[in-house]
């Protein structure tokens, strides 16, 4: 897991890495990496586009209808 990728309530403040830095950090990394931090189901496509194996989430597990 690598993050926080985006702003998250559990880690308040401006210190998140963003998608571009995430992608740069895992470029050519041989093991699966999950994106973490401020993510939900809707972030899975961008996470995979940036090289993530998936997303790790706690608050994003529940969807509001």
N, C-alpha and C. Protein backbone atom coordinates (compact mmCIF):
# COMPACT_ATOMS: atom_id res chain seq x y z
N UNK A 1 0.83 -1.17 0.00
CA UNK A 1 0.00 0.00 0.00
C UNK A 1 0.88 1.24 0.00
N UNK A 2 0.40 2.24 -0.73
CA UNK A 2 1.12 3.50 -0.81
C UNK A 2 0.12 4.64 -0.76
N UNK A 3 0.39 5.60 0.08
CA UNK A 3 -0.51 6.74 0.18
C UNK A 3 -0.07 7.65 1.32
N UNK A 4 -0.90 8.58 1.70
CA UNK A 4 -2.22 8.84 1.14
C UNK A 4 -2.14 9.49 -0.24
N UNK A 5 -2.96 8.99 -1.15
CA UNK A 5 -3.00 9.51 -2.50
C UNK A 5 -3.80 10.81 -2.55
N UNK A 6 -4.91 10.85 -1.83
CA UNK A 6 -5.77 12.03 -1.79
C UNK A 6 -6.01 12.43 -0.34
N UNK A 7 -6.64 13.58 -0.16
CA UNK A 7 -7.01 14.05 1.18
C UNK A 7 -7.88 12.99 1.85
N UNK A 8 -7.61 12.73 3.11
CA UNK A 8 -8.39 11.76 3.86
C UNK A 8 -8.68 12.28 5.27
N UNK A 9 -9.82 11.94 5.79
CA UNK A 9 -10.20 12.39 7.14
C UNK A 9 -9.31 11.79 8.21
N UNK A 10 -8.80 10.58 7.99
CA UNK A 10 -7.97 9.94 9.01
C UNK A 10 -6.54 10.51 9.04
N UNK A 11 -6.14 11.21 7.99
CA UNK A 11 -4.82 11.87 7.95
C UNK A 11 -5.01 13.30 7.44
N UNK A 12 -5.59 14.16 8.28
CA UNK A 12 -5.88 15.52 7.83
C UNK A 12 -4.62 16.32 7.51
N UNK A 13 -4.78 17.29 6.69
CA UNK A 13 -3.66 18.15 6.32
C UNK A 13 -3.36 18.03 4.84
N UNK A 14 -2.47 18.85 4.38
CA UNK A 14 -2.18 18.91 2.95
C UNK A 14 -1.18 17.86 2.45
N UNK A 15 -0.76 16.94 3.30
CA UNK A 15 0.31 16.02 2.90
C UNK A 15 -0.23 14.74 2.25
N UNK A 16 -0.69 14.86 1.02
CA UNK A 16 -1.04 13.68 0.25
C UNK A 16 -0.19 13.70 -1.02
N UNK A 17 0.02 12.54 -1.64
CA UNK A 17 0.99 12.49 -2.73
C UNK A 17 0.40 12.74 -4.11
N UNK A 18 -0.88 12.50 -4.31
CA UNK A 18 -1.49 12.70 -5.62
C UNK A 18 -1.19 11.54 -6.57
N UNK A 19 -1.94 11.49 -7.65
CA UNK A 19 -1.82 10.36 -8.58
C UNK A 19 -0.51 10.36 -9.36
N UNK A 20 -0.01 11.52 -9.76
CA UNK A 20 1.23 11.55 -10.55
C UNK A 20 2.43 11.05 -9.75
N UNK A 21 2.54 11.48 -8.51
CA UNK A 21 3.65 11.00 -7.67
C UNK A 21 3.47 9.53 -7.36
N UNK A 22 2.24 9.10 -7.11
CA UNK A 22 1.97 7.67 -6.88
C UNK A 22 2.50 6.85 -8.05
N UNK A 23 2.11 7.25 -9.27
CA UNK A 23 2.53 6.52 -10.47
C UNK A 23 4.05 6.51 -10.61
N UNK A 24 4.69 7.64 -10.33
CA UNK A 24 6.15 7.72 -10.44
C UNK A 24 6.83 6.81 -9.42
N UNK A 25 6.30 6.76 -8.21
CA UNK A 25 6.91 5.94 -7.16
C UNK A 25 6.81 4.44 -7.43
N UNK A 26 5.74 4.01 -8.09
CA UNK A 26 5.58 2.57 -8.31
C UNK A 26 6.01 2.13 -9.71
N UNK A 27 6.43 3.06 -10.53
CA UNK A 27 6.88 2.73 -11.88
C UNK A 27 7.97 1.66 -11.83
N UNK A 28 7.78 0.59 -12.55
CA UNK A 28 8.72 -0.55 -12.61
C UNK A 28 8.89 -1.29 -11.29
N UNK A 29 8.00 -1.08 -10.33
CA UNK A 29 8.05 -1.84 -9.08
C UNK A 29 7.50 -3.23 -9.35
N UNK A 30 8.16 -4.26 -8.89
CA UNK A 30 7.80 -5.63 -9.27
C UNK A 30 6.67 -6.26 -8.46
N UNK A 31 6.28 -5.65 -7.36
CA UNK A 31 5.21 -6.21 -6.54
C UNK A 31 3.92 -5.40 -6.70
N UNK A 32 2.76 -6.02 -6.46
CA UNK A 32 1.50 -5.27 -6.54
C UNK A 32 1.45 -4.17 -5.48
N UNK A 33 0.95 -3.01 -5.87
CA UNK A 33 0.81 -1.88 -4.95
C UNK A 33 -0.65 -1.42 -4.98
N UNK A 34 -1.21 -1.25 -3.80
CA UNK A 34 -2.58 -0.74 -3.67
C UNK A 34 -2.52 0.73 -3.29
N UNK A 35 -3.35 1.54 -3.92
CA UNK A 35 -3.45 2.95 -3.58
C UNK A 35 -4.28 3.09 -2.30
N UNK A 36 -3.89 4.00 -1.44
CA UNK A 36 -4.51 4.17 -0.14
C UNK A 36 -4.68 5.65 0.15
N UNK A 37 -5.79 6.00 0.78
CA UNK A 37 -5.97 7.36 1.27
C UNK A 37 -6.99 8.19 0.51
N UNK A 38 -8.18 8.32 1.10
CA UNK A 38 -9.22 9.16 0.51
C UNK A 38 -9.86 8.57 -0.72
N UNK A 39 -9.81 7.26 -0.86
CA UNK A 39 -10.29 6.60 -2.08
C UNK A 39 -11.57 5.81 -1.86
N UNK A 40 -12.31 5.62 -2.94
CA UNK A 40 -13.53 4.82 -2.92
C UNK A 40 -13.63 3.99 -4.19
N UNK A 41 -14.75 3.33 -4.37
CA UNK A 41 -14.96 2.48 -5.54
C UNK A 41 -14.76 3.23 -6.86
N UNK A 42 -15.18 4.47 -6.90
CA UNK A 42 -15.09 5.26 -8.14
C UNK A 42 -13.66 5.59 -8.53
N UNK A 43 -12.73 5.41 -7.61
CA UNK A 43 -11.33 5.70 -7.88
C UNK A 43 -10.58 4.52 -8.47
N UNK A 44 -11.18 3.35 -8.52
CA UNK A 44 -10.50 2.17 -9.02
C UNK A 44 -10.00 2.32 -10.46
N UNK A 45 -10.78 2.85 -11.40
CA UNK A 45 -10.26 2.99 -12.77
C UNK A 45 -9.00 3.87 -12.86
N UNK A 46 -8.99 5.01 -12.19
CA UNK A 46 -7.81 5.88 -12.24
C UNK A 46 -6.63 5.22 -11.52
N UNK A 47 -6.91 4.52 -10.43
CA UNK A 47 -5.85 3.82 -9.71
C UNK A 47 -5.17 2.80 -10.62
N UNK A 48 -5.97 2.03 -11.33
CA UNK A 48 -5.41 1.03 -12.24
C UNK A 48 -4.67 1.69 -13.40
N UNK A 49 -5.19 2.79 -13.89
CA UNK A 49 -4.53 3.54 -14.97
C UNK A 49 -3.16 4.04 -14.52
N UNK A 50 -3.04 4.38 -13.24
CA UNK A 50 -1.78 4.88 -12.69
C UNK A 50 -0.84 3.76 -12.25
N UNK A 51 -1.26 2.51 -12.44
CA UNK A 51 -0.39 1.38 -12.14
C UNK A 51 -0.70 0.62 -10.88
N UNK A 52 -1.72 1.04 -10.13
CA UNK A 52 -2.09 0.34 -8.89
C UNK A 52 -2.73 -1.00 -9.20
N UNK A 53 -2.56 -1.93 -8.30
CA UNK A 53 -3.22 -3.22 -8.40
C UNK A 53 -4.69 -3.08 -7.98
N UNK A 54 -4.95 -2.12 -7.11
CA UNK A 54 -6.30 -1.87 -6.62
C UNK A 54 -6.28 -0.71 -5.65
N UNK A 55 -7.38 -0.54 -4.91
CA UNK A 55 -7.46 0.50 -3.89
C UNK A 55 -7.76 -0.12 -2.54
N UNK A 56 -7.18 0.46 -1.51
CA UNK A 56 -7.47 0.07 -0.13
C UNK A 56 -8.32 1.17 0.47
N UNK A 57 -9.40 0.77 1.14
CA UNK A 57 -10.29 1.80 1.68
C UNK A 57 -11.03 1.29 2.90
N UNK A 58 -11.41 2.22 3.74
CA UNK A 58 -12.24 1.91 4.90
C UNK A 58 -13.54 2.66 4.78
N UNK A 59 -13.46 4.00 4.74
CA UNK A 59 -14.68 4.79 4.63
C UNK A 59 -15.36 4.60 3.28
N UNK A 60 -14.61 4.28 2.24
CA UNK A 60 -15.16 4.13 0.90
C UNK A 60 -15.89 2.83 0.67
N UNK A 61 -15.93 1.96 1.68
CA UNK A 61 -16.59 0.66 1.51
C UNK A 61 -18.09 0.81 1.31
N UNK A 62 -18.69 1.73 2.02
CA UNK A 62 -20.14 1.91 1.88
C UNK A 62 -20.43 2.98 0.85
N UNK A 63 -21.40 2.70 0.04
CA UNK A 63 -21.84 3.67 -0.98
C UNK A 63 -23.15 4.29 -0.52
N UNK A 64 -23.26 5.56 -0.78
CA UNK A 64 -24.53 6.22 -0.51
C UNK A 64 -25.37 6.16 -1.77
N UNK A 65 -26.60 5.66 -1.66
CA UNK A 65 -27.45 5.55 -2.86
C UNK A 65 -27.80 6.89 -3.46
